[in-house]
C-alpha atoms as a PDB file:
ATOM      1  CA  UNK A   1     135.572  92.475  54.459  1.00  0.00           C
ATOM      2  CA  UNK A   2     132.488  92.495  52.347  1.00  0.00           C
ATOM      3  CA  UNK A   3     128.983  92.879  53.526  1.00  0.00           C
ATOM      4  CA  UNK A   4     126.349  90.276  52.678  1.00  0.00           C
ATOM      5  CA  UNK A   5     122.857  91.275  53.297  1.00  0.00           C
ATOM      6  CA  UNK A   6     120.582  88.809  55.018  1.00  0.00           C
ATOM      7  CA  UNK A   7     117.731  87.832  52.838  1.00  0.00           C
ATOM      8  CA  UNK A   8     114.491  85.934  53.893  1.00  0.00           C
ATOM      9  CA  UNK A   9     112.672  85.182  56.823  1.00  0.00           C
ATOM     10  CA  UNK A  10     111.283  81.817  58.539  1.00  0.00           C
ATOM     11  CA  UNK A  11     107.828  82.283  59.967  1.00  0.00           C
ATOM     12  CA  UNK A  12     105.497  79.714  61.408  1.00  0.00           C
ATOM     13  CA  UNK A  13     101.972  79.827  63.034  1.00  0.00           C
ATOM     14  CA  UNK A  14     101.009  77.973  66.064  1.00  0.00           C
ATOM     15  CA  UNK A  15      98.209  78.247  68.655  1.00  0.00           C
ATOM     16  CA  UNK A  16      99.052  79.923  71.996  1.00  0.00           C
ATOM     17  CA  UNK A  17      98.760  77.761  75.122  1.00  0.00           C
ATOM     18  CA  UNK A  18      98.631  80.999  77.320  1.00  0.00           C
ATOM     19  CA  UNK A  19      98.473  84.689  76.634  1.00  0.00           C
ATOM     20  CA  UNK A  20     101.498  85.579  74.441  1.00  0.00           C
ATOM     21  CA  UNK A  21     102.858  89.129  74.177  1.00  0.00           C
ATOM     22  CA  UNK A  22     104.405  90.525  70.919  1.00  0.00           C
ATOM     23  CA  UNK A  23     108.026  90.116  70.559  1.00  0.00           C
ATOM     24  CA  UNK A  24     108.430  87.502  73.240  1.00  0.00           C
ATOM     25  CA  UNK A  25     110.636  84.400  72.830  1.00  0.00           C
ATOM     26  CA  UNK A  26     108.378  81.280  72.720  1.00  0.00           C
ATOM     27  CA  UNK A  27     108.723  77.506  73.176  1.00  0.00           C
ATOM     28  CA  UNK A  28     106.792  74.709  71.892  1.00  0.00           C
ATOM     29  CA  UNK A  29     104.832  72.815  74.662  1.00  0.00           C
ATOM     30  CA  UNK A  30     104.213  68.981  74.741  1.00  0.00           C
ATOM     31  CA  UNK A  31     100.644  69.735  73.590  1.00  0.00           C
ATOM     32  CA  UNK A  32     101.988  71.557  70.506  1.00  0.00           C
ATOM     33  CA  UNK A  33     101.134  74.940  71.722  1.00  0.00           C
ATOM     34  CA  UNK A  34     103.326  77.914  72.391  1.00  0.00           C
ATOM     35  CA  UNK A  35     104.251  79.471  75.729  1.00  0.00           C
ATOM     36  CA  UNK A  36     106.707  82.182  76.979  1.00  0.00           C
ATOM     37  CA  UNK A  37     110.349  80.540  77.326  1.00  0.00           C
ATOM     38  CA  UNK A  38     112.308  81.279  80.468  1.00  0.00           C
ATOM     39  CA  UNK A  39     116.254  80.937  81.149  1.00  0.00           C
ATOM     40  CA  UNK A  40     115.337  79.810  84.660  1.00  0.00           C
ATOM     41  CA  UNK A  41     113.656  76.622  83.450  1.00  0.00           C
ATOM     42  CA  UNK A  42     115.902  73.830  82.236  1.00  0.00           C
ATOM     43  CA  UNK A  43     112.810  72.165  80.658  1.00  0.00           C
ATOM     44  CA  UNK A  44     112.901  75.028  78.129  1.00  0.00           C
ATOM     45  CA  UNK A  45     116.158  73.933  76.599  1.00  0.00           C
ATOM     46  CA  UNK A  46     115.810  72.730  73.014  1.00  0.00           C
ATOM     47  CA  UNK A  47     112.054  73.689  72.981  1.00  0.00           C
ATOM     48  CA  UNK A  48     112.589  77.249  71.911  1.00  0.00           C
ATOM     49  CA  UNK A  49     111.228  78.086  68.367  1.00  0.00           C
ATOM     50  CA  UNK A  50     111.583  82.006  68.029  1.00  0.00           C
ATOM     51  CA  UNK A  51     110.035  85.285  68.561  1.00  0.00           C
ATOM     52  CA  UNK A  52     106.386  86.124  68.621  1.00  0.00           C
ATOM     53  CA  UNK A  53     105.433  88.630  65.941  1.00  0.00           C
ATOM     54  CA  UNK A  54     101.966  89.349  67.368  1.00  0.00           C
ATOM     55  CA  UNK A  55      99.965  89.282  70.711  1.00  0.00           C
ATOM     56  CA  UNK A  56      97.524  86.448  71.071  1.00  0.00           C
ATOM     57  CA  UNK A  57      95.323  85.213  73.779  1.00  0.00           C
ATOM     58  CA  UNK A  58      95.024  81.406  74.873  1.00  0.00           C
ATOM     59  CA  UNK A  59      93.823  79.519  71.874  1.00  0.00           C
ATOM     60  CA  UNK A  60      94.652  82.076  69.262  1.00  0.00           C
ATOM     61  CA  UNK A  61      97.086  82.191  66.396  1.00  0.00           C
ATOM     62  CA  UNK A  62     100.700  83.358  66.966  1.00  0.00           C
ATOM     63  CA  UNK A  63     103.074  84.004  64.271  1.00  0.00           C
ATOM     64  CA  UNK A  64     106.802  83.083  65.146  1.00  0.00           C
ATOM     65  CA  UNK A  65     109.805  84.569  63.504  1.00  0.00           C
ATOM     66  CA  UNK A  66     112.151  81.473  63.680  1.00  0.00           C
ATOM     67  CA  UNK A  67     114.902  83.332  61.575  1.00  0.00           C
ATOM     68  CA  UNK A  68     115.336  86.677  60.141  1.00  0.00           C
ATOM     69  CA  UNK A  69     115.069  90.342  60.508  1.00  0.00           C
ATOM     70  CA  UNK A  70     112.251  92.001  62.631  1.00  0.00           C
ATOM     71  CA  UNK A  71     111.711  95.674  62.803  1.00  0.00           C
ATOM     72  CA  UNK A  72     109.713  97.600  65.474  1.00  0.00           C
ATOM     73  CA  UNK A  73     109.962 101.174  66.552  1.00  0.00           C
ATOM     74  CA  UNK A  74     109.570 100.181  70.223  1.00  0.00           C
ATOM     75  CA  UNK A  75     113.072  98.276  69.895  1.00  0.00           C
ATOM     76  CA  UNK A  76     115.649 100.293  71.824  1.00  0.00           C
ATOM     77  CA  UNK A  77     118.598  97.829  72.043  1.00  0.00           C
ATOM     78  CA  UNK A  78     122.348  98.372  72.209  1.00  0.00           C
ATOM     79  CA  UNK A  79     123.849  97.523  68.697  1.00  0.00           C
ATOM     80  CA  UNK A  80     127.179  96.348  70.484  1.00  0.00           C
ATOM     81  CA  UNK A  81     125.459  93.471  72.574  1.00  0.00           C
ATOM     82  CA  UNK A  82     123.687  90.302  71.579  1.00  0.00           C
ATOM     83  CA  UNK A  83     120.163  89.303  72.572  1.00  0.00           C
ATOM     84  CA  UNK A  84     119.569  86.615  75.061  1.00  0.00           C
ATOM     85  CA  UNK A  85     116.585  84.715  76.569  1.00  0.00           C
ATOM     86  CA  UNK A  86     115.503  86.275  79.927  1.00  0.00           C
ATOM     87  CA  UNK A  87     112.603  85.415  82.026  1.00  0.00           C
ATOM     88  CA  UNK A  88     108.849  85.112  80.792  1.00  0.00           C
ATOM     89  CA  UNK A  89     109.809  85.319  77.187  1.00  0.00           C
ATOM     90  CA  UNK A  90     111.778  88.529  77.454  1.00  0.00           C
ATOM     91  CA  UNK A  91     114.488  89.502  75.078  1.00  0.00           C
ATOM     92  CA  UNK A  92     117.560  90.814  77.255  1.00  0.00           C
ATOM     93  CA  UNK A  93     120.942  91.949  76.564  1.00  0.00           C
ATOM     94  CA  UNK A  94     122.288  90.961  79.891  1.00  0.00           C
ATOM     95  CA  UNK A  95     121.904  87.350  81.120  1.00  0.00           C
ATOM     96  CA  UNK A  96     119.851  87.358  84.516  1.00  0.00           C
ATOM     97  CA  UNK A  97     121.716  86.199  87.534  1.00  0.00           C
ATOM     98  CA  UNK A  98     119.085  83.492  88.192  1.00  0.00           C
ATOM     99  CA  UNK A  99     119.521  81.936  84.708  1.00  0.00           C
ATOM    100  CA  UNK A 100     120.106  78.330  84.496  1.00  0.00           C
ATOM    101  CA  UNK A 101     121.059  78.280  80.965  1.00  0.00           C
ATOM    102  CA  UNK A 102     122.167  80.821  78.368  1.00  0.00           C
ATOM    103  CA  UNK A 103     120.090  81.128  75.041  1.00  0.00           C
ATOM    104  CA  UNK A 104     121.461  83.627  72.498  1.00  0.00           C
ATOM    105  CA  UNK A 105     118.513  84.384  70.412  1.00  0.00           C
ATOM    106  CA  UNK A 106     120.042  87.111  67.946  1.00  0.00           C
ATOM    107  CA  UNK A 107     121.612  90.470  67.449  1.00  0.00           C
ATOM    108  CA  UNK A 108     120.642  93.990  67.002  1.00  0.00           C
ATOM    109  CA  UNK A 109     121.143  95.139  63.486  1.00  0.00           C
ATOM    110  CA  UNK A 110     119.923  98.553  63.771  1.00  0.00           C
ATOM    111  CA  UNK A 111     118.410 101.218  66.028  1.00  0.00           C
ATOM    112  CA  UNK A 112     114.664  99.520  65.677  1.00  0.00           C
ATOM    113  CA  UNK A 113     115.867  96.146  64.022  1.00  0.00           C
ATOM    114  CA  UNK A 114     116.986  92.748  65.304  1.00  0.00           C
ATOM    115  CA  UNK A 115     118.130  89.577  63.600  1.00  0.00           C
ATOM    116  CA  UNK A 116     116.574  86.494  65.117  1.00  0.00           C
ATOM    117  CA  UNK A 117     119.147  83.665  64.790  1.00  0.00           C
ATOM    118  CA  UNK A 118     119.001  80.951  67.702  1.00  0.00           C
ATOM    119  CA  UNK A 119     122.364  79.635  68.824  1.00  0.00           C
ATOM    120  CA  UNK A 120     122.944  76.400  70.916  1.00  0.00           C
ATOM    121  CA  UNK A 121     121.974  76.740  74.481  1.00  0.00           C
ATOM    122  CA  UNK A 122     124.673  76.544  77.301  1.00  0.00           C
ATOM    123  CA  UNK A 123     123.815  75.192  80.710  1.00  0.00           C
ATOM    124  CA  UNK A 124     125.292  77.169  83.583  1.00  0.00           C
ATOM    125  CA  UNK A 125     126.949  74.909  86.239  1.00  0.00           C
END
């Protein structure tokens, strides 16, 4: 098997509709602003746009990584597990019991590196 490096990133900038933390999974609200997404809200399905690259207060600009690699020394994920949407925009590696849907948001590519790559959400019946 040959290794093909991932090249390129897709980043957009939108306005925060609430205080947004860095490295949080965000959704696009009906007003066009960004909010933390949650796996406990079925309303969030198909509204998730990516991972915030910066923290921002309400009304301020947020850069969102829709696809690509993100490096940060604070990342401490298990490279053998994928990343999922948790609650309040958190990236988690174990789906919370209270989840109403599963949204894979990416994978861990190194000790302090993730690949943001959104998959189709799956509703838990």
